[in-house]
Amino acid sequence: RQLLGADNKQVVILAPGTKNPAINCARWSLLADALALCGDIEITYQVVLSLHPGDRTPYGVDPADQKPLDVYGDITRFAPCPFRLAPKGLKTAELLPGADLIVEWASSIGIEAAHRRLRLISLGTELDQRRLESISGTRNWELCALGVSEKVETARELADMIKYLPANHESQKARQKEVFPLAPELGTAVKQRVEVIGSL
């Protein structure tokens, strides 16, 4: 949590990105809308946006003046609570131990979070679901079908789930343990992740 600049009073939300900046902007903007709806003045949220290694837009520059494009700048500047990009050099999986909640969609990080028994929400925007359908033939993310993650589609649903999960995580955790039991041997967790992704 120190690496994320968070103290124990803050609720740290980890939001992993995809290769596609349009998907990221839609998803992270909806997350900002949801937190604006939460209205929990006694709770301080901090959102860590973790960039996908295949997302090259943060390194883009304007060809006219060579200034950075700052694609995600407005999200971090104008969100209703602190939004920040993850520290450079850290992989998303390395950030999981410091997070209180993971907000993802169709990612291996979601599977890793379930293995770690973390609070998990799968935010499926319309773009996300259509993209998943084009790849796998279904709009349903396997973790939601298995009951180890909560699926939401709107800012209101996400806001309600963010407030609901802390007091009701035990049932989700129990399901995570049932679906993803502790790995009996090295490599089992990786094999299970491959099987889930392969079933899409």
N, C-alpha and C. Protein backbone atom coordinates (compact mmCIF):
# COMPACT_ATOMS: atom_id res chain seq x y z
N ARG A 1 0.82 -1.20 0.00
CA ARG A 1 0.00 0.00 0.00
C ARG A 1 0.87 1.27 0.00
N GLN A 2 2.06 1.17 0.56
CA GLN A 2 2.95 2.31 0.56
C GLN A 2 3.34 2.69 -0.86
N LEU A 3 3.56 1.67 -1.71
CA LEU A 3 3.92 1.95 -3.09
C LEU A 3 2.78 2.64 -3.84
N LEU A 4 1.54 2.38 -3.38
CA LEU A 4 0.37 3.00 -4.01
C LEU A 4 0.04 4.35 -3.39
N GLY A 5 0.78 4.73 -2.36
CA GLY A 5 0.53 6.00 -1.71
C GLY A 5 -0.74 6.03 -0.91
N ALA A 6 -1.15 4.86 -0.37
CA ALA A 6 -2.41 4.77 0.36
C ALA A 6 -2.16 4.39 1.81
N ASP A 7 -3.02 4.89 2.70
CA ASP A 7 -2.95 4.47 4.10
C ASP A 7 -4.07 3.48 4.38
N ASN A 8 -4.12 2.98 5.59
CA ASN A 8 -5.09 1.94 5.94
C ASN A 8 -6.52 2.45 6.03
N LYS A 9 -6.71 3.75 6.05
CA LYS A 9 -8.06 4.31 6.11
C LYS A 9 -8.70 4.41 4.73
N GLN A 10 -7.89 4.32 3.70
CA GLN A 10 -8.41 4.45 2.35
C GLN A 10 -8.84 3.11 1.78
N VAL A 11 -9.85 3.15 0.94
CA VAL A 11 -10.27 1.97 0.18
C VAL A 11 -9.60 2.07 -1.19
N VAL A 12 -8.69 1.14 -1.44
CA VAL A 12 -7.93 1.16 -2.69
C VAL A 12 -8.63 0.27 -3.71
N ILE A 13 -9.01 0.87 -4.83
CA ILE A 13 -9.66 0.15 -5.93
C ILE A 13 -8.65 0.02 -7.07
N LEU A 14 -8.38 -1.20 -7.46
CA LEU A 14 -7.47 -1.45 -8.58
C LEU A 14 -8.29 -1.72 -9.83
N ALA A 15 -8.03 -0.93 -10.87
CA ALA A 15 -8.80 -1.05 -12.12
C ALA A 15 -7.82 -1.33 -13.27
N PRO A 16 -7.61 -2.60 -13.61
CA PRO A 16 -6.69 -2.92 -14.71
C PRO A 16 -7.27 -2.52 -16.06
N GLY A 17 -6.39 -2.07 -16.93
CA GLY A 17 -6.81 -1.66 -18.26
C GLY A 17 -6.62 -2.74 -19.30
N THR A 18 -7.01 -2.42 -20.51
CA THR A 18 -6.84 -3.32 -21.65
C THR A 18 -5.87 -2.67 -22.64
N LYS A 19 -5.65 -3.34 -23.76
CA LYS A 19 -4.81 -2.77 -24.80
C LYS A 19 -5.50 -1.59 -25.49
N ASN A 20 -6.83 -1.55 -25.41
CA ASN A 20 -7.63 -0.59 -26.18
C ASN A 20 -7.94 0.65 -25.35
N PRO A 21 -7.43 1.82 -25.72
CA PRO A 21 -7.67 3.03 -24.93
C PRO A 21 -9.14 3.47 -24.92
N ALA A 22 -9.87 3.18 -26.00
CA ALA A 22 -11.30 3.54 -26.03
C ALA A 22 -12.07 2.76 -24.97
N ILE A 23 -11.77 1.46 -24.85
CA ILE A 23 -12.39 0.63 -23.82
C ILE A 23 -12.00 1.14 -22.44
N ASN A 24 -10.75 1.48 -22.25
CA ASN A 24 -10.28 1.97 -20.96
C ASN A 24 -10.99 3.25 -20.55
N CYS A 25 -11.10 4.19 -21.48
CA CYS A 25 -11.75 5.47 -21.17
C CYS A 25 -13.22 5.26 -20.80
N ALA A 26 -13.91 4.40 -21.54
CA ALA A 26 -15.32 4.13 -21.24
C ALA A 26 -15.47 3.50 -19.86
N ARG A 27 -14.63 2.52 -19.57
CA ARG A 27 -14.74 1.79 -18.31
C ARG A 27 -14.34 2.66 -17.12
N TRP A 28 -13.24 3.37 -17.24
CA TRP A 28 -12.75 4.18 -16.12
C TRP A 28 -13.63 5.40 -15.89
N SER A 29 -14.22 5.94 -16.95
CA SER A 29 -15.16 7.06 -16.79
C SER A 29 -16.41 6.60 -16.04
N LEU A 30 -16.87 5.41 -16.35
CA LEU A 30 -18.03 4.87 -15.66
C LEU A 30 -17.71 4.61 -14.19
N LEU A 31 -16.50 4.16 -13.90
CA LEU A 31 -16.07 3.97 -12.52
C LEU A 31 -16.08 5.30 -11.78
N ALA A 32 -15.61 6.37 -12.43
CA ALA A 32 -15.64 7.69 -11.81
C ALA A 32 -17.07 8.13 -11.53
N ASP A 33 -17.98 7.88 -12.47
CA ASP A 33 -19.39 8.22 -12.27
C ASP A 33 -19.96 7.46 -11.07
N ALA A 34 -19.60 6.19 -10.95
CA ALA A 34 -20.10 5.37 -9.86
C ALA A 34 -19.64 5.91 -8.50
N LEU A 35 -18.36 6.28 -8.41
CA LEU A 35 -17.84 6.78 -7.14
C LEU A 35 -18.46 8.13 -6.78
N ALA A 36 -18.82 8.91 -7.79
CA ALA A 36 -19.53 10.16 -7.53
C ALA A 36 -20.90 9.89 -6.92
N LEU A 37 -21.49 8.74 -7.28
CA LEU A 37 -22.80 8.36 -6.75
C LEU A 37 -22.72 7.77 -5.35
N CYS A 38 -21.55 7.28 -4.97
CA CYS A 38 -21.42 6.62 -3.66
C CYS A 38 -21.73 7.57 -2.52
N GLY A 39 -21.20 8.76 -2.59
CA GLY A 39 -21.52 9.76 -1.58
C GLY A 39 -21.10 9.41 -0.17
N ASP A 40 -20.11 8.52 -0.01
CA ASP A 40 -19.66 8.13 1.32
C ASP A 40 -18.57 9.09 1.79
N ILE A 41 -18.97 10.19 2.40
CA ILE A 41 -17.98 11.20 2.76
C ILE A 41 -17.05 10.69 3.86
N GLU A 42 -17.48 9.64 4.61
CA GLU A 42 -16.62 9.11 5.65
C GLU A 42 -15.62 8.11 5.10
N ILE A 43 -15.75 7.74 3.84
CA ILE A 43 -14.83 6.79 3.21
C ILE A 43 -14.02 7.51 2.15
N THR A 44 -12.73 7.31 2.18
CA THR A 44 -11.86 7.90 1.17
C THR A 44 -11.44 6.80 0.19
N TYR A 45 -11.82 6.99 -1.06
CA TYR A 45 -11.47 6.03 -2.09
C TYR A 45 -10.23 6.52 -2.84
N GLN A 46 -9.40 5.58 -3.23
CA GLN A 46 -8.31 5.87 -4.15
C GLN A 46 -8.32 4.81 -5.24
N VAL A 47 -8.33 5.25 -6.47
CA VAL A 47 -8.39 4.34 -7.61
C VAL A 47 -7.02 4.30 -8.29
N VAL A 48 -6.52 3.09 -8.49
CA VAL A 48 -5.24 2.90 -9.18
C VAL A 48 -5.54 2.30 -10.55
N LEU A 49 -5.21 3.04 -11.59
CA LEU A 49 -5.42 2.58 -12.96
C LEU A 49 -4.15 1.88 -13.42
N SER A 50 -4.27 0.60 -13.70
CA SER A 50 -3.11 -0.19 -14.10
C SER A 50 -3.13 -0.37 -15.61
N LEU A 51 -2.11 0.12 -16.26
CA LEU A 51 -2.05 0.06 -17.72
C LEU A 51 -1.66 -1.32 -18.21
N HIS A 52 -2.31 -1.75 -19.29
CA HIS A 52 -1.93 -3.00 -19.95
C HIS A 52 -0.61 -2.78 -20.68
N PRO A 53 0.30 -3.76 -20.63
CA PRO A 53 1.58 -3.57 -21.33
C PRO A 53 1.43 -3.35 -22.83
N GLY A 54 0.29 -3.76 -23.39
CA GLY A 54 0.08 -3.56 -24.81
C GLY A 54 -0.54 -2.22 -25.16
N ASP A 55 -0.87 -1.41 -24.15
CA ASP A 55 -1.44 -0.09 -24.37
C ASP A 55 -0.29 0.90 -24.55
N ARG A 56 -0.09 1.35 -25.76
CA ARG A 56 1.05 2.24 -26.05
C ARG A 56 0.64 3.71 -26.04
N THR A 57 -0.63 4.01 -25.88
CA THR A 57 -1.07 5.41 -25.97
C THR A 57 -0.45 6.33 -24.92
N PRO A 58 -0.14 5.84 -23.69
CA PRO A 58 0.49 6.76 -22.73
C PRO A 58 1.82 7.31 -23.20
N TYR A 59 2.42 6.65 -24.18
CA TYR A 59 3.72 7.09 -24.68
C TYR A 59 3.59 7.87 -25.98
N GLY A 60 2.34 8.10 -26.41
CA GLY A 60 2.11 8.82 -27.65
C GLY A 60 2.41 10.30 -27.54
N VAL A 61 2.85 10.89 -28.62
CA VAL A 61 3.14 12.32 -28.65
C VAL A 61 2.46 12.95 -29.86
N ASP A 62 2.19 14.24 -29.75
CA ASP A 62 1.62 15.00 -30.85
C ASP A 62 2.70 15.19 -31.91
N PRO A 63 2.47 14.73 -33.14
CA PRO A 63 3.51 14.86 -34.18
C PRO A 63 3.87 16.31 -34.49
N ALA A 64 2.96 17.24 -34.17
CA ALA A 64 3.22 18.64 -34.50
C ALA A 64 4.22 19.28 -33.55
N ASP A 65 4.06 19.02 -32.24
CA ASP A 65 4.95 19.68 -31.28
C ASP A 65 5.69 18.71 -30.36
N GLN A 66 5.44 17.40 -30.58
CA GLN A 66 6.13 16.35 -29.80
C GLN A 66 5.77 16.36 -28.31
N LYS A 67 4.65 17.00 -27.96
CA LYS A 67 4.20 16.98 -26.57
C LYS A 67 3.40 15.72 -26.30
N PRO A 68 3.47 15.17 -25.08
CA PRO A 68 2.71 13.96 -24.76
C PRO A 68 1.21 14.17 -24.99
N LEU A 69 0.54 13.13 -25.49
CA LEU A 69 -0.90 13.23 -25.74
C LEU A 69 -1.72 13.22 -24.45
N ASP A 70 -1.17 12.62 -23.40
CA ASP A 70 -1.84 12.60 -22.09
C ASP A 70 -3.27 12.07 -22.22
N VAL A 71 -3.40 10.89 -22.79
CA VAL A 71 -4.71 10.32 -23.12
C VAL A 71 -5.62 10.19 -21.89
N TYR A 72 -5.05 9.78 -20.77
CA TYR A 72 -5.87 9.55 -19.58
C TYR A 72 -5.81 10.70 -18.58
N GLY A 73 -5.25 11.82 -19.01
CA GLY A 73 -5.06 12.94 -18.10
C GLY A 73 -6.34 13.48 -17.50
N ASP A 74 -7.39 13.64 -18.31
CA ASP A 74 -8.63 14.21 -17.78
C ASP A 74 -9.30 13.28 -16.78
N ILE A 75 -9.09 11.98 -16.93
CA ILE A 75 -9.68 11.04 -15.97
C ILE A 75 -9.01 11.21 -14.61
N THR A 76 -7.70 11.30 -14.60
CA THR A 76 -7.00 11.44 -13.32
C THR A 76 -7.17 12.84 -12.73
N ARG A 77 -7.38 13.85 -13.58
CA ARG A 77 -7.51 15.22 -13.07
C ARG A 77 -8.91 15.52 -12.55
N PHE A 78 -9.95 15.00 -13.20
CA PHE A 78 -11.30 15.44 -12.90
C PHE A 78 -12.20 14.39 -12.26
N ALA A 79 -11.64 13.26 -11.89
CA ALA A 79 -12.43 12.24 -11.18
C ALA A 79 -12.84 12.76 -9.80
N PRO A 80 -13.94 12.24 -9.25
CA PRO A 80 -14.45 12.74 -7.97
C PRO A 80 -13.63 12.34 -6.75
N CYS A 81 -12.68 11.44 -6.93
CA CYS A 81 -11.78 11.04 -5.86
C CYS A 81 -10.43 10.77 -6.52
N PRO A 82 -9.37 10.57 -5.74
CA PRO A 82 -8.06 10.38 -6.37
C PRO A 82 -8.00 9.19 -7.32
N PHE A 83 -7.70 9.46 -8.57
CA PHE A 83 -7.41 8.46 -9.58
C PHE A 83 -5.95 8.67 -9.97
N ARG A 84 -5.18 7.60 -10.01
CA ARG A 84 -3.78 7.73 -10.41
C ARG A 84 -3.36 6.53 -11.21
N LEU A 85 -2.40 6.73 -12.09
CA LEU A 85 -1.82 5.62 -12.82
C LEU A 85 -0.89 4.86 -11.89
N ALA A 86 -0.87 3.55 -12.07
CA ALA A 86 -0.01 2.71 -11.23
C ALA A 86 1.45 3.10 -11.41
N PRO A 87 2.25 2.93 -10.37
CA PRO A 87 3.68 3.25 -10.49
C PRO A 87 4.33 2.47 -11.62
N LYS A 88 5.18 3.12 -12.37
CA LYS A 88 5.87 2.48 -13.47
C LYS A 88 6.77 1.37 -12.94
N GLY A 89 6.86 0.31 -13.72
CA GLY A 89 7.74 -0.80 -13.35
C GLY A 89 7.08 -1.88 -12.54
N LEU A 90 5.83 -1.63 -12.09
CA LEU A 90 5.12 -2.64 -11.32
C LEU A 90 4.06 -3.31 -12.19
N LYS A 91 4.04 -4.63 -12.18
CA LYS A 91 3.01 -5.36 -12.90
C LYS A 91 1.71 -5.33 -12.12
N THR A 92 0.60 -5.46 -12.84
CA THR A 92 -0.70 -5.40 -12.18
C THR A 92 -0.83 -6.44 -11.09
N ALA A 93 -0.33 -7.65 -11.33
CA ALA A 93 -0.42 -8.72 -10.33
C ALA A 93 0.32 -8.35 -9.05
N GLU A 94 1.37 -7.55 -9.18
CA GLU A 94 2.13 -7.13 -8.01
C GLU A 94 1.38 -6.12 -7.16
N LEU A 95 0.35 -5.49 -7.73
CA LEU A 95 -0.43 -4.48 -7.02
C LEU A 95 -1.59 -5.10 -6.23
N LEU A 96 -1.93 -6.34 -6.54
CA LEU A 96 -3.09 -6.98 -5.92
C LEU A 96 -3.03 -7.00 -4.39
N PRO A 97 -1.90 -7.32 -3.76
CA PRO A 97 -1.89 -7.37 -2.29
C PRO A 97 -2.26 -6.06 -1.61
N GLY A 98 -2.07 -4.92 -2.31
CA GLY A 98 -2.37 -3.63 -1.72
C GLY A 98 -3.76 -3.13 -2.01
N ALA A 99 -4.56 -3.90 -2.76
CA ALA A 99 -5.89 -3.45 -3.16
C ALA A 99 -6.98 -4.04 -2.26
N ASP A 100 -8.02 -3.25 -2.06
CA ASP A 100 -9.19 -3.71 -1.30
C ASP A 100 -10.29 -4.23 -2.22
N LEU A 101 -10.29 -3.77 -3.46
CA LEU A 101 -11.33 -4.13 -4.41
C LEU A 101 -10.74 -4.09 -5.81
N ILE A 102 -11.11 -5.08 -6.63
CA ILE A 102 -10.68 -5.13 -8.02
C ILE A 102 -11.91 -4.90 -8.91
N VAL A 103 -11.80 -3.97 -9.84
CA VAL A 103 -12.87 -3.73 -10.82
C VAL A 103 -12.29 -4.03 -12.19
N GLU A 104 -12.73 -5.12 -12.79
CA GLU A 104 -12.14 -5.59 -14.05
C GLU A 104 -13.22 -6.13 -14.97
N TRP A 105 -12.79 -6.57 -16.14
CA TRP A 105 -13.67 -7.29 -17.06
C TRP A 105 -12.84 -8.21 -17.94
N ALA A 106 -13.18 -9.49 -17.91
CA ALA A 106 -12.58 -10.49 -18.80
C ALA A 106 -11.05 -10.44 -18.79
N SER A 107 -10.48 -10.44 -17.60
CA SER A 107 -9.03 -10.34 -17.50
C SER A 107 -8.46 -11.47 -16.66
N SER A 108 -7.20 -11.80 -16.91
CA SER A 108 -6.53 -12.80 -16.09
C SER A 108 -6.32 -12.28 -14.67
N ILE A 109 -6.29 -10.95 -14.52
CA ILE A 109 -6.15 -10.35 -13.19
C ILE A 109 -7.37 -10.68 -12.34
N GLY A 110 -8.54 -10.73 -12.95
CA GLY A 110 -9.74 -11.12 -12.22
C GLY A 110 -9.62 -12.53 -11.67
N ILE A 111 -9.06 -13.42 -12.46
CA ILE A 111 -8.87 -14.80 -12.01
C ILE A 111 -7.85 -14.85 -10.88
N GLU A 112 -6.78 -14.07 -11.01
CA GLU A 112 -5.78 -14.00 -9.95
C GLU A 112 -6.39 -13.44 -8.66
N ALA A 113 -7.25 -12.44 -8.80
CA ALA A 113 -7.91 -11.86 -7.62
C ALA A 113 -8.81 -12.87 -6.93
N ALA A 114 -9.49 -13.70 -7.72
CA ALA A 114 -10.34 -14.74 -7.13
C ALA A 114 -9.50 -15.75 -6.37
N HIS A 115 -8.36 -16.10 -6.89
CA HIS A 115 -7.44 -17.00 -6.19
C HIS A 115 -6.98 -16.40 -4.86
N ARG A 116 -6.86 -15.08 -4.82
CA ARG A 116 -6.40 -14.39 -3.62
C ARG A 116 -7.56 -14.04 -2.68
N ARG A 117 -8.80 -14.40 -3.07
CA ARG A 117 -10.00 -14.14 -2.25
C ARG A 117 -10.25 -12.65 -2.05
N LEU A 118 -10.00 -11.87 -3.10
CA LEU A 118 -10.21 -10.43 -3.02
C LEU A 118 -11.62 -10.07 -3.47
N ARG A 119 -12.10 -8.95 -2.99
CA ARG A 119 -13.39 -8.44 -3.44
C ARG A 119 -13.28 -8.15 -4.93
N LEU A 120 -14.24 -8.66 -5.69
CA LEU A 120 -14.10 -8.64 -7.15
C LEU A 120 -15.41 -8.23 -7.80
N ILE A 121 -15.33 -7.22 -8.65
CA ILE A 121 -16.48 -6.76 -9.43
C ILE A 121 -16.07 -6.76 -10.90
N SER A 122 -16.93 -7.31 -11.74
CA SER A 122 -16.67 -7.31 -13.19
C SER A 122 -17.58 -6.28 -13.84
N LEU A 123 -16.97 -5.20 -14.29
CA LEU A 123 -17.70 -4.09 -14.91
C LEU A 123 -17.72 -4.27 -16.41
N GLY A 124 -18.88 -4.66 -16.92
CA GLY A 124 -19.02 -4.91 -18.35
C GLY A 124 -19.78 -3.80 -19.04
N THR A 125 -19.05 -2.82 -19.57
CA THR A 125 -19.71 -1.80 -20.37
C THR A 125 -20.24 -2.44 -21.65
N GLU A 126 -21.06 -1.72 -22.37
CA GLU A 126 -21.58 -2.26 -23.62
C GLU A 126 -20.43 -2.57 -24.59
N LEU A 127 -19.45 -1.69 -24.64
CA LEU A 127 -18.29 -1.94 -25.50
C LEU A 127 -17.54 -3.19 -25.07
N ASP A 128 -17.36 -3.35 -23.75
CA ASP A 128 -16.67 -4.53 -23.23
C ASP A 128 -17.39 -5.81 -23.63
N GLN A 129 -18.70 -5.83 -23.45
CA GLN A 129 -19.47 -7.05 -23.71
C GLN A 129 -19.52 -7.37 -25.20
N ARG A 130 -19.65 -6.36 -26.02
CA ARG A 130 -19.64 -6.60 -27.46
C ARG A 130 -18.27 -7.11 -27.92
N ARG A 131 -17.23 -6.56 -27.34
CA ARG A 131 -15.88 -7.00 -27.70
C ARG A 131 -15.67 -8.45 -27.28
N LEU A 132 -16.11 -8.81 -26.07
CA LEU A 132 -15.98 -10.19 -25.61
C LEU A 132 -16.77 -11.13 -26.51
N GLU A 133 -17.97 -10.69 -26.92
CA GLU A 133 -18.80 -11.53 -27.79
C GLU A 133 -18.13 -11.75 -29.15
N SER A 134 -17.44 -10.74 -29.66
CA SER A 134 -16.77 -10.88 -30.96
C SER A 134 -15.62 -11.86 -30.89
N ILE A 135 -15.04 -12.02 -29.69
CA ILE A 135 -13.90 -12.92 -29.51
C ILE A 135 -14.33 -14.33 -29.15
N SER A 136 -15.31 -14.42 -28.23
CA SER A 136 -15.65 -15.73 -27.66
C SER A 136 -17.03 -16.25 -28.06
N GLY A 137 -17.87 -15.38 -28.67
CA GLY A 137 -19.21 -15.80 -29.05
C GLY A 137 -20.23 -15.62 -27.95
N THR A 138 -19.82 -15.09 -26.80
CA THR A 138 -20.74 -14.86 -25.70
C THR A 138 -20.41 -13.55 -25.01
N ARG A 139 -21.44 -12.90 -24.46
CA ARG A 139 -21.23 -11.67 -23.70
C ARG A 139 -20.98 -11.96 -22.22
N ASN A 140 -21.06 -13.22 -21.84
CA ASN A 140 -20.95 -13.58 -20.43
C ASN A 140 -19.51 -13.90 -20.05
N TRP A 141 -18.98 -13.16 -19.07
CA TRP A 141 -17.64 -13.41 -18.56
C TRP A 141 -17.71 -14.58 -17.61
N GLU A 142 -16.81 -15.53 -17.80
CA GLU A 142 -16.86 -16.80 -17.08
C GLU A 142 -16.84 -16.63 -15.56
N LEU A 143 -16.09 -15.67 -15.04
CA LEU A 143 -16.03 -15.49 -13.59
C LEU A 143 -17.39 -15.13 -13.01
N CYS A 144 -18.18 -14.39 -13.76
CA CYS A 144 -19.53 -14.04 -13.30
C CYS A 144 -20.44 -15.27 -13.35
N ALA A 145 -20.31 -16.05 -14.41
CA ALA A 145 -21.11 -17.27 -14.53
C ALA A 145 -20.78 -18.25 -13.41
N LEU A 146 -19.53 -18.26 -12.98
CA LEU A 146 -19.10 -19.16 -11.90
C LEU A 146 -19.47 -18.63 -10.52
N GLY A 147 -19.87 -17.37 -10.44
CA GLY A 147 -20.27 -16.80 -9.17
C GLY A 147 -19.14 -16.30 -8.30
N VAL A 148 -17.95 -16.15 -8.88
CA VAL A 148 -16.81 -15.67 -8.08
C VAL A 148 -16.60 -14.17 -8.24
N SER A 149 -17.36 -13.54 -9.14
CA SER A 149 -17.32 -12.10 -9.32
C SER A 149 -18.74 -11.59 -9.54
N GLU A 150 -18.95 -10.33 -9.18
CA GLU A 150 -20.27 -9.71 -9.34
C GLU A 150 -20.29 -8.89 -10.62
N LYS A 151 -21.23 -9.18 -11.50
CA LYS A 151 -21.32 -8.43 -12.75
C LYS A 151 -22.18 -7.19 -12.59
N VAL A 152 -21.67 -6.06 -13.08
CA VAL A 152 -22.44 -4.82 -13.12
C VAL A 152 -22.26 -4.20 -14.50
N GLU A 153 -23.24 -3.37 -14.89
CA GLU A 153 -23.19 -2.78 -16.22
C GLU A 153 -23.32 -1.26 -16.20
N THR A 154 -23.87 -0.70 -15.12
CA THR A 154 -24.13 0.73 -15.07
C THR A 154 -23.42 1.36 -13.87
N ALA A 155 -23.35 2.68 -13.88
CA ALA A 155 -22.72 3.40 -12.77
C ALA A 155 -23.48 3.17 -11.48
N ARG A 156 -24.80 3.16 -11.54
CA ARG A 156 -25.59 2.95 -10.33
C ARG A 156 -25.38 1.56 -9.78
N GLU A 157 -25.37 0.54 -10.64
CA GLU A 157 -25.12 -0.83 -10.18
C GLU A 157 -23.74 -0.94 -9.55
N LEU A 158 -22.77 -0.29 -10.16
CA LEU A 158 -21.40 -0.35 -9.65
C LEU A 158 -21.30 0.35 -8.30
N ALA A 159 -21.93 1.52 -8.17
CA ALA A 159 -21.92 2.24 -6.90
C ALA A 159 -22.54 1.41 -5.80
N ASP A 160 -23.67 0.78 -6.09
CA ASP A 160 -24.34 -0.06 -5.08
C ASP A 160 -23.47 -1.24 -4.68
N MET A 161 -22.77 -1.84 -5.66
CA MET A 161 -21.94 -3.00 -5.36
C MET A 161 -20.69 -2.60 -4.57
N ILE A 162 -20.14 -1.44 -4.87
CA ILE A 162 -18.97 -0.96 -4.13
C ILE A 162 -19.33 -0.80 -2.65
N LYS A 163 -20.53 -0.35 -2.38
CA LYS A 163 -20.97 -0.16 -0.99
C LYS A 163 -21.43 -1.47 -0.36
N TYR A 164 -21.91 -2.41 -1.19
CA TYR A 164 -22.47 -3.67 -0.69
C TYR A 164 -21.39 -4.70 -0.32
N LEU A 165 -20.35 -4.78 -1.14
CA LEU A 165 -19.38 -5.87 -1.00
C LEU A 165 -18.63 -5.92 0.34
N PRO A 166 -18.20 -4.79 0.90
CA PRO A 166 -17.42 -4.89 2.14
C PRO A 166 -18.12 -5.69 3.25
N ALA A 167 -19.42 -5.53 3.38
CA ALA A 167 -20.15 -6.23 4.44
C ALA A 167 -20.65 -7.60 4.00
N ASN A 168 -20.49 -7.91 2.74
CA ASN A 168 -21.05 -9.16 2.22
C ASN A 168 -20.04 -9.96 1.40
N HIS A 169 -18.77 -9.76 1.72
CA HIS A 169 -17.73 -10.42 0.94
C HIS A 169 -17.58 -11.89 1.28
N GLU A 170 -18.02 -12.31 2.46
CA GLU A 170 -17.81 -13.70 2.87
C GLU A 170 -18.45 -14.69 1.92
N SER A 171 -19.65 -14.37 1.40
CA SER A 171 -20.30 -15.29 0.48
C SER A 171 -19.54 -15.39 -0.83
N GLN A 172 -19.02 -14.25 -1.31
CA GLN A 172 -18.20 -14.27 -2.53
C GLN A 172 -16.91 -15.04 -2.28
N LYS A 173 -16.29 -14.81 -1.14
CA LYS A 173 -15.05 -15.49 -0.80
C LYS A 173 -15.26 -17.00 -0.71
N ALA A 174 -16.40 -17.40 -0.14
CA ALA A 174 -16.69 -18.83 -0.03
C ALA A 174 -16.80 -19.47 -1.41
N ARG A 175 -17.45 -18.74 -2.34
CA ARG A 175 -17.58 -19.25 -3.69
C ARG A 175 -16.22 -19.29 -4.40
N GLN A 176 -15.39 -18.29 -4.15
CA GLN A 176 -14.05 -18.29 -4.74
C GLN A 176 -13.25 -19.49 -4.26
N LYS A 177 -13.38 -19.82 -2.98
CA LYS A 177 -12.66 -20.98 -2.43
C LYS A 177 -13.17 -22.27 -3.05
N GLU A 178 -14.47 -22.32 -3.31
CA GLU A 178 -15.06 -23.53 -3.89
C GLU A 178 -14.60 -23.74 -5.33
N VAL A 179 -14.59 -22.66 -6.11
CA VAL A 179 -14.24 -22.76 -7.52
C VAL A 179 -12.73 -22.84 -7.72
N PHE A 180 -12.00 -22.06 -6.93
CA PHE A 180 -10.55 -22.03 -7.04
C PHE A 180 -9.93 -22.41 -5.69
N PRO A 181 -9.92 -23.69 -5.35
CA PRO A 181 -9.29 -24.10 -4.09
C PRO A 181 -7.80 -23.79 -4.12
N LEU A 182 -7.22 -23.70 -2.94
CA LEU A 182 -5.81 -23.40 -2.87
C LEU A 182 -5.01 -24.41 -3.67
N ALA A 183 -4.06 -23.92 -4.44
CA ALA A 183 -3.30 -24.80 -5.34
C ALA A 183 -2.50 -25.82 -4.53
N PRO A 184 -2.70 -27.13 -4.78
CA PRO A 184 -1.95 -28.14 -4.05
C PRO A 184 -0.50 -28.27 -4.50
N GLU A 185 -0.21 -27.75 -5.68
CA GLU A 185 1.16 -27.86 -6.17
C GLU A 185 1.47 -26.66 -7.06
N LEU A 186 2.74 -26.39 -7.22
CA LEU A 186 3.17 -25.25 -7.99
C LEU A 186 2.66 -25.36 -9.43
N GLY A 187 2.07 -24.28 -9.90
CA GLY A 187 1.59 -24.24 -11.29
C GLY A 187 0.11 -24.53 -11.44
N THR A 188 -0.55 -25.01 -10.38
CA THR A 188 -1.97 -25.35 -10.50
C THR A 188 -2.82 -24.13 -10.79
N ALA A 189 -2.53 -23.02 -10.11
CA ALA A 189 -3.30 -21.79 -10.31
C ALA A 189 -3.21 -21.32 -11.76
N VAL A 190 -2.02 -21.39 -12.32
CA VAL A 190 -1.84 -20.97 -13.71
C VAL A 190 -2.64 -21.87 -14.64
N LYS A 191 -2.62 -23.17 -14.38
CA LYS A 191 -3.38 -24.10 -15.23
C LYS A 191 -4.87 -23.80 -15.16
N GLN A 192 -5.38 -23.47 -13.96
CA GLN A 192 -6.80 -23.17 -13.82
C GLN A 192 -7.16 -21.90 -14.57
N ARG A 193 -6.27 -20.91 -14.54
CA ARG A 193 -6.54 -19.67 -15.28
C ARG A 193 -6.61 -19.94 -16.77
N VAL A 194 -5.72 -20.78 -17.27
CA VAL A 194 -5.72 -21.11 -18.69
C VAL A 194 -7.00 -21.85 -19.06
N GLU A 195 -7.47 -22.74 -18.18
CA GLU A 195 -8.69 -23.48 -18.44
C GLU A 195 -9.89 -22.57 -18.50
N VAL A 196 -9.98 -21.59 -17.60
CA VAL A 196 -11.11 -20.66 -17.60
C VAL A 196 -11.11 -19.82 -18.87
N ILE A 197 -9.95 -19.26 -19.21
CA ILE A 197 -9.86 -18.44 -20.41
C ILE A 197 -10.14 -19.28 -21.66
N GLY A 198 -9.66 -20.51 -21.65
CA GLY A 198 -9.89 -21.38 -22.79
C GLY A 198 -11.32 -21.81 -22.98
N SER A 199 -12.13 -21.70 -21.91
CA SER A 199 -13.53 -22.11 -22.00
C SER A 199 -14.41 -21.02 -22.61
N LEU A 200 -13.85 -19.80 -22.81
CA LEU A 200 -14.64 -18.71 -23.37
C LEU A 200 -14.97 -18.98 -24.83
